[in-house]
Amino acid sequence: MISTMQLQVLSDSGDVLDEIGIFDSIDPAVAILTDLFEAAPVVTAYEGTSAADYEWDGFIIGTDGPANPPTGAEVHVRAMTAELNGIGIETVGGFAVGDSLVPISEASPEDSRTWDNRGVLELVVNVDEVPVEGDDIDRALHTELSAHPADGPISQISAPAKNFD
């Protein structure tokens, strides 16, 4: 289950089997997911940086380097599939790739936006907002649901995303 602050591995009955926090080290996260998906990821390292992506057929965790709390996550999640090797992938709100995003956007227009992504309108909805603690300005982390094209189903889930640079 993907949330803004962590990724949880749940049993069929909903018990938490493992948790990966966004400020945790990437290496144990890769090991947990390698065991879960029963396959090694394709690794893309970015030369001259500490950034890397670890991909299992439509599910990616990545890092830009060590965490810098409260805003700089070490573990970033992107899902482009609702299921991998028999394991369901969804957000804490129950949203999954393939679900219709328009009703979610209509229910939360203040958390929704569209933009031109290479000539195609994309719809993005922010869910599971977590304010940045100790901040005196309005900064928050959230989970981002995207539909490309805008009237299509959810095509990607990303966490954490942020409302600031």
N, C-alpha and C. Protein backbone atom coordinates (compact mmCIF):
# COMPACT_ATOMS: atom_id res chain seq x y z
N MET A 1 0.84 -1.17 0.00
CA MET A 1 0.00 0.00 0.00
C MET A 1 0.89 1.24 0.00
N ILE A 2 0.62 2.13 -0.93
CA ILE A 2 1.41 3.34 -1.07
C ILE A 2 0.72 4.47 -0.31
N SER A 3 1.46 5.11 0.57
CA SER A 3 0.99 6.34 1.20
C SER A 3 2.08 7.39 1.03
N THR A 4 1.79 8.60 1.44
CA THR A 4 2.74 9.68 1.26
C THR A 4 4.04 9.44 2.02
N MET A 5 3.94 8.89 3.22
CA MET A 5 5.11 8.76 4.10
C MET A 5 5.73 7.37 4.12
N GLN A 6 5.04 6.36 3.53
CA GLN A 6 5.60 5.01 3.58
C GLN A 6 4.95 4.10 2.56
N LEU A 7 5.61 2.99 2.36
CA LEU A 7 5.10 1.89 1.54
C LEU A 7 4.93 0.73 2.50
N GLN A 8 3.74 0.12 2.53
CA GLN A 8 3.49 -1.02 3.41
C GLN A 8 3.23 -2.27 2.59
N VAL A 9 3.78 -3.38 3.07
CA VAL A 9 3.49 -4.69 2.52
C VAL A 9 2.47 -5.31 3.47
N LEU A 10 1.29 -5.64 2.92
CA LEU A 10 0.20 -6.16 3.74
C LEU A 10 -0.08 -7.62 3.39
N SER A 11 -0.51 -8.37 4.40
CA SER A 11 -0.97 -9.74 4.17
C SER A 11 -2.36 -9.69 3.55
N ASP A 12 -2.88 -10.84 3.14
CA ASP A 12 -4.23 -10.90 2.57
C ASP A 12 -5.27 -10.43 3.58
N SER A 13 -4.98 -10.60 4.89
CA SER A 13 -5.93 -10.18 5.92
C SER A 13 -5.74 -8.72 6.33
N GLY A 14 -4.75 -8.03 5.74
CA GLY A 14 -4.53 -6.62 6.03
C GLY A 14 -3.49 -6.33 7.09
N ASP A 15 -2.85 -7.38 7.62
CA ASP A 15 -1.79 -7.17 8.61
C ASP A 15 -0.55 -6.60 7.93
N VAL A 16 0.15 -5.70 8.61
CA VAL A 16 1.37 -5.10 8.07
C VAL A 16 2.52 -6.09 8.25
N LEU A 17 3.10 -6.51 7.12
CA LEU A 17 4.23 -7.44 7.14
C LEU A 17 5.57 -6.71 7.10
N ASP A 18 5.61 -5.58 6.40
CA ASP A 18 6.82 -4.77 6.28
C ASP A 18 6.43 -3.34 6.00
N GLU A 19 7.31 -2.40 6.40
CA GLU A 19 7.11 -0.99 6.12
C GLU A 19 8.41 -0.39 5.62
N ILE A 20 8.28 0.48 4.65
CA ILE A 20 9.42 1.21 4.11
C ILE A 20 9.06 2.69 4.20
N GLY A 21 9.75 3.43 5.06
CA GLY A 21 9.50 4.86 5.20
C GLY A 21 10.25 5.65 4.14
N ILE A 22 9.75 6.81 3.79
CA ILE A 22 10.38 7.61 2.74
C ILE A 22 11.74 8.15 3.17
N PHE A 23 12.01 8.19 4.47
CA PHE A 23 13.31 8.67 4.95
C PHE A 23 14.25 7.50 5.29
N ASP A 24 13.80 6.27 5.06
CA ASP A 24 14.63 5.08 5.30
C ASP A 24 15.68 4.95 4.21
N SER A 25 16.66 4.12 4.46
CA SER A 25 17.69 3.82 3.46
C SER A 25 17.09 3.03 2.31
N ILE A 26 17.56 3.27 1.11
CA ILE A 26 17.04 2.61 -0.09
C ILE A 26 17.41 1.12 -0.12
N ASP A 27 18.58 0.74 0.42
CA ASP A 27 19.03 -0.64 0.29
C ASP A 27 18.10 -1.67 0.93
N PRO A 28 17.66 -1.48 2.19
CA PRO A 28 16.69 -2.44 2.74
C PRO A 28 15.37 -2.44 1.98
N ALA A 29 14.97 -1.29 1.44
CA ALA A 29 13.73 -1.21 0.66
C ALA A 29 13.84 -2.08 -0.59
N VAL A 30 14.98 -2.03 -1.26
CA VAL A 30 15.19 -2.86 -2.45
C VAL A 30 15.14 -4.34 -2.07
N ALA A 31 15.75 -4.70 -0.95
CA ALA A 31 15.76 -6.10 -0.50
C ALA A 31 14.33 -6.58 -0.20
N ILE A 32 13.54 -5.76 0.49
CA ILE A 32 12.16 -6.14 0.82
C ILE A 32 11.36 -6.37 -0.45
N LEU A 33 11.46 -5.47 -1.41
CA LEU A 33 10.68 -5.58 -2.64
C LEU A 33 11.18 -6.70 -3.54
N THR A 34 12.47 -6.96 -3.52
CA THR A 34 13.02 -8.08 -4.29
C THR A 34 12.45 -9.39 -3.77
N ASP A 35 12.37 -9.54 -2.46
CA ASP A 35 11.75 -10.74 -1.87
C ASP A 35 10.26 -10.80 -2.20
N LEU A 36 9.57 -9.68 -2.07
CA LEU A 36 8.13 -9.64 -2.30
C LEU A 36 7.79 -10.00 -3.74
N PHE A 37 8.48 -9.40 -4.70
CA PHE A 37 8.18 -9.61 -6.11
C PHE A 37 8.88 -10.84 -6.69
N GLU A 38 9.73 -11.48 -5.88
CA GLU A 38 10.46 -12.69 -6.28
C GLU A 38 11.25 -12.48 -7.56
N ALA A 39 11.86 -11.31 -7.68
CA ALA A 39 12.67 -10.98 -8.85
C ALA A 39 13.58 -9.81 -8.50
N ALA A 40 14.75 -9.81 -9.11
CA ALA A 40 15.66 -8.68 -8.93
C ALA A 40 15.20 -7.53 -9.83
N PRO A 41 15.37 -6.30 -9.38
CA PRO A 41 14.97 -5.16 -10.21
C PRO A 41 16.00 -4.86 -11.29
N VAL A 42 15.56 -4.13 -12.29
CA VAL A 42 16.48 -3.53 -13.25
C VAL A 42 16.96 -2.25 -12.59
N VAL A 43 18.26 -2.08 -12.48
CA VAL A 43 18.84 -0.94 -11.77
C VAL A 43 19.37 0.06 -12.79
N THR A 44 18.99 1.32 -12.62
CA THR A 44 19.53 2.41 -13.42
C THR A 44 20.22 3.37 -12.47
N ALA A 45 21.54 3.44 -12.56
CA ALA A 45 22.32 4.38 -11.75
C ALA A 45 22.64 5.59 -12.62
N TYR A 46 22.61 6.76 -12.02
CA TYR A 46 22.85 7.99 -12.77
C TYR A 46 24.25 8.48 -12.46
N GLU A 47 25.10 8.38 -13.47
CA GLU A 47 26.53 8.65 -13.33
C GLU A 47 26.80 10.02 -12.71
N GLY A 48 27.72 10.02 -11.77
CA GLY A 48 28.14 11.25 -11.12
C GLY A 48 27.22 11.71 -10.01
N THR A 49 26.19 10.90 -9.70
CA THR A 49 25.24 11.24 -8.63
C THR A 49 25.02 10.02 -7.75
N SER A 50 24.30 10.21 -6.66
CA SER A 50 23.91 9.08 -5.83
C SER A 50 22.49 8.63 -6.16
N ALA A 51 21.95 9.13 -7.27
CA ALA A 51 20.59 8.78 -7.69
C ALA A 51 20.57 7.44 -8.41
N ALA A 52 19.48 6.69 -8.19
CA ALA A 52 19.30 5.40 -8.85
C ALA A 52 17.81 5.05 -8.84
N ASP A 53 17.41 4.28 -9.84
CA ASP A 53 16.06 3.72 -9.90
C ASP A 53 16.15 2.21 -9.90
N TYR A 54 15.18 1.57 -9.24
CA TYR A 54 15.08 0.12 -9.16
C TYR A 54 13.70 -0.23 -9.67
N GLU A 55 13.63 -0.94 -10.82
CA GLU A 55 12.35 -1.17 -11.47
C GLU A 55 12.01 -2.64 -11.59
N TRP A 56 10.77 -2.94 -11.17
CA TRP A 56 10.17 -4.25 -11.36
C TRP A 56 8.95 -4.05 -12.26
N ASP A 57 9.05 -4.23 -13.53
CA ASP A 57 7.94 -4.24 -14.48
C ASP A 57 6.75 -3.37 -14.10
N GLY A 58 6.94 -2.05 -14.10
CA GLY A 58 5.86 -1.13 -13.82
C GLY A 58 5.81 -0.62 -12.40
N PHE A 59 6.76 -1.00 -11.58
CA PHE A 59 6.85 -0.51 -10.20
C PHE A 59 8.29 -0.08 -9.96
N ILE A 60 8.47 1.17 -9.55
CA ILE A 60 9.82 1.72 -9.39
C ILE A 60 9.97 2.34 -8.01
N ILE A 61 11.08 2.05 -7.35
CA ILE A 61 11.50 2.89 -6.24
C ILE A 61 12.81 3.52 -6.67
N GLY A 62 12.98 4.74 -6.26
CA GLY A 62 14.18 5.47 -6.65
C GLY A 62 14.69 6.30 -5.51
N THR A 63 15.90 6.79 -5.69
CA THR A 63 16.51 7.66 -4.70
C THR A 63 17.31 8.73 -5.40
N ASP A 64 17.38 9.89 -4.77
CA ASP A 64 18.26 10.96 -5.22
C ASP A 64 19.46 11.07 -4.30
N GLY A 65 19.53 10.16 -3.31
CA GLY A 65 20.62 10.17 -2.34
C GLY A 65 20.04 10.13 -0.93
N PRO A 66 20.90 10.32 0.05
CA PRO A 66 20.46 10.22 1.45
C PRO A 66 19.32 11.18 1.78
N ALA A 67 18.48 10.73 2.72
CA ALA A 67 17.34 11.53 3.15
C ALA A 67 17.79 12.82 3.83
N ASN A 68 16.94 13.83 3.70
CA ASN A 68 17.14 15.10 4.37
C ASN A 68 15.78 15.55 4.93
N PRO A 69 15.34 14.89 6.05
CA PRO A 69 14.02 15.23 6.62
C PRO A 69 13.97 16.69 7.04
N PRO A 70 12.84 17.32 7.01
CA PRO A 70 11.52 16.74 6.81
C PRO A 70 11.01 16.78 5.37
N THR A 71 11.82 17.26 4.42
CA THR A 71 11.30 17.40 3.06
C THR A 71 12.02 16.54 2.03
N GLY A 72 13.22 16.10 2.31
CA GLY A 72 14.00 15.35 1.32
C GLY A 72 13.95 13.85 1.55
N ALA A 73 13.06 13.17 0.85
CA ALA A 73 12.91 11.72 0.99
C ALA A 73 14.08 10.99 0.34
N GLU A 74 14.45 9.84 0.90
CA GLU A 74 15.43 8.97 0.25
C GLU A 74 14.75 7.99 -0.69
N VAL A 75 13.54 7.54 -0.32
CA VAL A 75 12.81 6.55 -1.11
C VAL A 75 11.62 7.23 -1.79
N HIS A 76 11.57 7.12 -3.11
CA HIS A 76 10.47 7.63 -3.93
C HIS A 76 9.82 6.43 -4.62
N VAL A 77 8.50 6.43 -4.72
CA VAL A 77 7.75 5.32 -5.31
C VAL A 77 6.98 5.81 -6.53
N ARG A 78 7.02 5.01 -7.61
CA ARG A 78 6.18 5.25 -8.78
C ARG A 78 5.58 3.90 -9.20
N ALA A 79 4.28 3.88 -9.33
CA ALA A 79 3.60 2.66 -9.78
C ALA A 79 2.87 2.96 -11.07
N MET A 80 3.09 2.12 -12.07
CA MET A 80 2.40 2.23 -13.36
C MET A 80 1.60 0.95 -13.63
N THR A 81 1.38 0.15 -12.59
CA THR A 81 0.61 -1.08 -12.70
C THR A 81 -0.20 -1.27 -11.42
N ALA A 82 -1.33 -1.96 -11.55
CA ALA A 82 -2.18 -2.22 -10.38
C ALA A 82 -1.83 -3.55 -9.72
N GLU A 83 -0.98 -4.35 -10.40
CA GLU A 83 -0.65 -5.68 -9.88
C GLU A 83 0.68 -6.12 -10.47
N LEU A 84 1.46 -6.78 -9.64
CA LEU A 84 2.74 -7.30 -10.09
C LEU A 84 2.98 -8.65 -9.41
N ASN A 85 3.14 -9.68 -10.22
CA ASN A 85 3.36 -11.04 -9.70
C ASN A 85 2.28 -11.45 -8.69
N GLY A 86 1.04 -11.08 -8.96
CA GLY A 86 -0.07 -11.45 -8.08
C GLY A 86 -0.24 -10.56 -6.86
N ILE A 87 0.55 -9.50 -6.76
CA ILE A 87 0.49 -8.59 -5.61
C ILE A 87 -0.21 -7.31 -6.04
N GLY A 88 -1.31 -6.98 -5.37
CA GLY A 88 -2.05 -5.77 -5.67
C GLY A 88 -1.30 -4.53 -5.19
N ILE A 89 -1.37 -3.47 -5.98
CA ILE A 89 -0.70 -2.22 -5.65
C ILE A 89 -1.74 -1.11 -5.66
N GLU A 90 -1.92 -0.45 -4.51
CA GLU A 90 -2.89 0.63 -4.41
C GLU A 90 -2.43 1.64 -3.37
N THR A 91 -3.14 2.76 -3.31
CA THR A 91 -2.82 3.79 -2.32
C THR A 91 -3.60 3.54 -1.05
N VAL A 92 -3.27 4.30 -0.03
CA VAL A 92 -3.97 4.21 1.24
C VAL A 92 -5.46 4.51 1.07
N GLY A 93 -5.84 5.27 0.09
CA GLY A 93 -7.26 5.55 -0.17
C GLY A 93 -7.93 4.52 -1.04
N GLY A 94 -7.19 3.48 -1.44
CA GLY A 94 -7.75 2.43 -2.27
C GLY A 94 -7.70 2.70 -3.76
N PHE A 95 -6.96 3.73 -4.18
CA PHE A 95 -6.85 4.07 -5.59
C PHE A 95 -5.76 3.21 -6.24
N ALA A 96 -6.00 2.78 -7.48
CA ALA A 96 -5.03 1.95 -8.19
C ALA A 96 -4.93 2.39 -9.64
N VAL A 97 -3.82 2.05 -10.27
CA VAL A 97 -3.65 2.29 -11.69
C VAL A 97 -4.81 1.58 -12.41
N GLY A 98 -5.43 2.28 -13.35
CA GLY A 98 -6.57 1.73 -14.07
C GLY A 98 -7.90 2.27 -13.58
N ASP A 99 -7.95 2.80 -12.35
CA ASP A 99 -9.17 3.41 -11.83
C ASP A 99 -9.43 4.74 -12.54
N SER A 100 -10.69 5.13 -12.63
CA SER A 100 -11.04 6.42 -13.22
C SER A 100 -10.61 7.54 -12.27
N LEU A 101 -9.91 8.54 -12.80
CA LEU A 101 -9.44 9.66 -11.98
C LEU A 101 -10.42 10.83 -11.98
N VAL A 102 -11.26 10.94 -13.00
CA VAL A 102 -12.17 12.08 -13.10
C VAL A 102 -13.08 12.21 -11.87
N PRO A 103 -13.72 11.14 -11.36
CA PRO A 103 -14.57 11.31 -10.17
C PRO A 103 -13.78 11.75 -8.94
N ILE A 104 -12.54 11.32 -8.82
CA ILE A 104 -11.70 11.73 -7.69
C ILE A 104 -11.41 13.23 -7.82
N SER A 105 -11.12 13.67 -9.04
CA SER A 105 -10.86 15.09 -9.30
C SER A 105 -12.09 15.94 -9.03
N GLU A 106 -13.25 15.46 -9.47
CA GLU A 106 -14.48 16.21 -9.26
C GLU A 106 -14.82 16.33 -7.77
N ALA A 107 -14.46 15.32 -6.98
CA ALA A 107 -14.72 15.37 -5.53
C ALA A 107 -13.73 16.27 -4.80
N SER A 108 -12.56 16.53 -5.41
CA SER A 108 -11.52 17.36 -4.78
C SER A 108 -10.92 18.33 -5.80
N PRO A 109 -11.71 19.26 -6.34
CA PRO A 109 -11.17 20.16 -7.36
C PRO A 109 -10.00 21.02 -6.86
N GLU A 110 -9.97 21.32 -5.57
CA GLU A 110 -8.88 22.14 -5.03
C GLU A 110 -7.55 21.38 -5.02
N ASP A 111 -7.59 20.06 -5.13
CA ASP A 111 -6.38 19.24 -5.15
C ASP A 111 -6.05 18.72 -6.54
N SER A 112 -6.71 19.27 -7.55
CA SER A 112 -6.58 18.77 -8.92
C SER A 112 -6.06 19.86 -9.85
N ARG A 113 -5.36 19.41 -10.88
CA ARG A 113 -4.90 20.35 -11.90
C ARG A 113 -4.70 19.59 -13.22
N THR A 114 -4.76 20.30 -14.30
CA THR A 114 -4.42 19.72 -15.60
C THR A 114 -3.25 20.51 -16.17
N TRP A 115 -2.47 19.85 -17.00
CA TRP A 115 -1.36 20.52 -17.65
C TRP A 115 -1.06 19.82 -18.97
N ASP A 116 -0.40 20.53 -19.86
CA ASP A 116 -0.05 20.00 -21.17
C ASP A 116 1.24 19.19 -21.03
N ASN A 117 1.14 17.90 -21.19
CA ASN A 117 2.28 17.00 -21.12
C ASN A 117 2.57 16.49 -22.52
N ARG A 118 3.50 17.14 -23.21
CA ARG A 118 3.90 16.78 -24.57
C ARG A 118 2.73 16.77 -25.54
N GLY A 119 1.89 17.80 -25.45
CA GLY A 119 0.78 17.94 -26.38
C GLY A 119 -0.49 17.20 -25.97
N VAL A 120 -0.47 16.51 -24.84
CA VAL A 120 -1.65 15.79 -24.35
C VAL A 120 -1.97 16.31 -22.95
N LEU A 121 -3.23 16.65 -22.72
CA LEU A 121 -3.64 17.15 -21.42
C LEU A 121 -3.59 16.02 -20.39
N GLU A 122 -2.91 16.27 -19.27
CA GLU A 122 -2.78 15.30 -18.18
C GLU A 122 -3.51 15.84 -16.95
N LEU A 123 -4.23 14.96 -16.25
CA LEU A 123 -4.91 15.31 -15.02
C LEU A 123 -4.11 14.76 -13.85
N VAL A 124 -3.88 15.60 -12.84
CA VAL A 124 -3.14 15.21 -11.64
C VAL A 124 -3.99 15.57 -10.43
N VAL A 125 -4.13 14.61 -9.51
CA VAL A 125 -4.88 14.83 -8.28
C VAL A 125 -3.96 14.46 -7.11
N ASN A 126 -3.86 15.36 -6.12
CA ASN A 126 -3.06 15.12 -4.92
C ASN A 126 -3.96 14.55 -3.83
N VAL A 127 -3.53 13.45 -3.22
CA VAL A 127 -4.27 12.82 -2.12
C VAL A 127 -3.31 12.58 -0.96
N ASP A 128 -3.84 12.25 0.19
CA ASP A 128 -3.06 11.87 1.37
C ASP A 128 -2.02 12.95 1.72
N GLU A 129 -2.48 14.20 1.84
CA GLU A 129 -1.58 15.31 2.15
C GLU A 129 -1.07 15.23 3.58
N VAL A 130 0.25 15.45 3.74
CA VAL A 130 0.90 15.46 5.05
C VAL A 130 1.67 16.78 5.18
N PRO A 131 1.24 17.68 6.06
CA PRO A 131 1.97 18.94 6.23
C PRO A 131 3.40 18.69 6.70
N VAL A 132 4.32 19.54 6.24
CA VAL A 132 5.71 19.44 6.68
C VAL A 132 5.77 19.98 8.10
N GLU A 133 6.21 19.14 9.04
CA GLU A 133 6.25 19.53 10.46
C GLU A 133 7.30 20.61 10.71
N GLY A 134 6.96 21.53 11.61
CA GLY A 134 7.90 22.57 12.01
C GLY A 134 8.05 23.67 10.98
N ASP A 135 7.26 23.62 9.94
CA ASP A 135 7.34 24.62 8.89
C ASP A 135 6.36 25.75 9.19
N ASP A 136 6.79 26.98 9.01
CA ASP A 136 5.89 28.10 9.24
C ASP A 136 5.27 28.62 7.94
N ILE A 137 5.54 27.91 6.84
CA ILE A 137 4.87 28.23 5.58
C ILE A 137 4.07 27.00 5.17
N ASP A 138 3.19 27.16 4.20
CA ASP A 138 2.25 26.11 3.82
C ASP A 138 2.90 25.11 2.85
N ARG A 139 3.74 24.23 3.38
CA ARG A 139 4.37 23.20 2.56
C ARG A 139 3.83 21.84 3.00
N ALA A 140 3.67 20.95 2.02
CA ALA A 140 3.14 19.62 2.33
C ALA A 140 3.67 18.60 1.33
N LEU A 141 3.70 17.36 1.78
CA LEU A 141 3.98 16.22 0.92
C LEU A 141 2.64 15.54 0.65
N HIS A 142 2.54 14.83 -0.48
CA HIS A 142 1.30 14.14 -0.81
C HIS A 142 1.59 13.00 -1.77
N THR A 143 0.58 12.22 -2.05
CA THR A 143 0.63 11.19 -3.08
C THR A 143 -0.06 11.77 -4.31
N GLU A 144 0.55 11.55 -5.47
CA GLU A 144 0.06 12.13 -6.72
C GLU A 144 -0.51 11.03 -7.61
N LEU A 145 -1.75 11.22 -8.05
CA LEU A 145 -2.40 10.33 -9.00
C LEU A 145 -2.45 11.04 -10.35
N SER A 146 -2.02 10.38 -11.41
CA SER A 146 -1.97 11.01 -12.74
C SER A 146 -2.75 10.18 -13.76
N ALA A 147 -3.44 10.90 -14.65
CA ALA A 147 -4.11 10.27 -15.80
C ALA A 147 -3.63 10.98 -17.05
N HIS A 148 -3.09 10.21 -17.97
CA HIS A 148 -2.55 10.76 -19.22
C HIS A 148 -3.08 9.90 -20.35
N PRO A 149 -4.11 10.33 -21.07
CA PRO A 149 -4.73 11.65 -21.12
C PRO A 149 -5.65 11.91 -19.93
N ALA A 150 -6.05 13.17 -19.79
CA ALA A 150 -6.80 13.63 -18.62
C ALA A 150 -8.12 12.89 -18.41
N ASP A 151 -8.76 12.44 -19.48
CA ASP A 151 -10.04 11.73 -19.33
C ASP A 151 -9.86 10.22 -19.23
N GLY A 152 -8.61 9.77 -19.16
CA GLY A 152 -8.33 8.34 -19.06
C GLY A 152 -8.22 7.88 -17.62
N PRO A 153 -7.87 6.61 -17.44
CA PRO A 153 -7.72 6.07 -16.09
C PRO A 153 -6.39 6.52 -15.46
N ILE A 154 -6.26 6.27 -14.18
CA ILE A 154 -4.99 6.55 -13.50
C ILE A 154 -3.89 5.75 -14.21
N SER A 155 -2.85 6.44 -14.63
CA SER A 155 -1.73 5.79 -15.32
C SER A 155 -0.48 5.72 -14.47
N GLN A 156 -0.42 6.56 -13.41
CA GLN A 156 0.75 6.54 -12.52
C GLN A 156 0.38 7.06 -11.14
N ILE A 157 0.98 6.42 -10.13
CA ILE A 157 0.89 6.86 -8.74
C ILE A 157 2.31 7.18 -8.30
N SER A 158 2.52 8.35 -7.71
CA SER A 158 3.85 8.77 -7.27
C SER A 158 3.79 9.27 -5.83
N ALA A 159 4.81 8.88 -5.05
CA ALA A 159 4.89 9.36 -3.66
C ALA A 159 6.34 9.33 -3.20
N PRO A 160 6.78 10.25 -2.40
CA PRO A 160 6.05 11.46 -2.09
C PRO A 160 6.22 12.49 -3.20
N ALA A 161 5.21 13.31 -3.36
CA ALA A 161 5.30 14.49 -4.21
C ALA A 161 5.18 15.67 -3.25
N LYS A 162 5.53 16.86 -3.70
CA LYS A 162 5.47 18.01 -2.81
C LYS A 162 4.86 19.21 -3.51
N ASN A 163 4.33 20.13 -2.72
CA ASN A 163 3.70 21.33 -3.27
C ASN A 163 4.67 22.52 -3.28
N PHE A 164 5.96 22.23 -3.30
CA PHE A 164 7.00 23.27 -3.28
C PHE A 164 8.21 22.75 -4.01
N ASP A 165 9.15 23.66 -4.33
CA ASP A 165 10.39 23.27 -5.01
C ASP A 165 11.49 23.02 -4.01
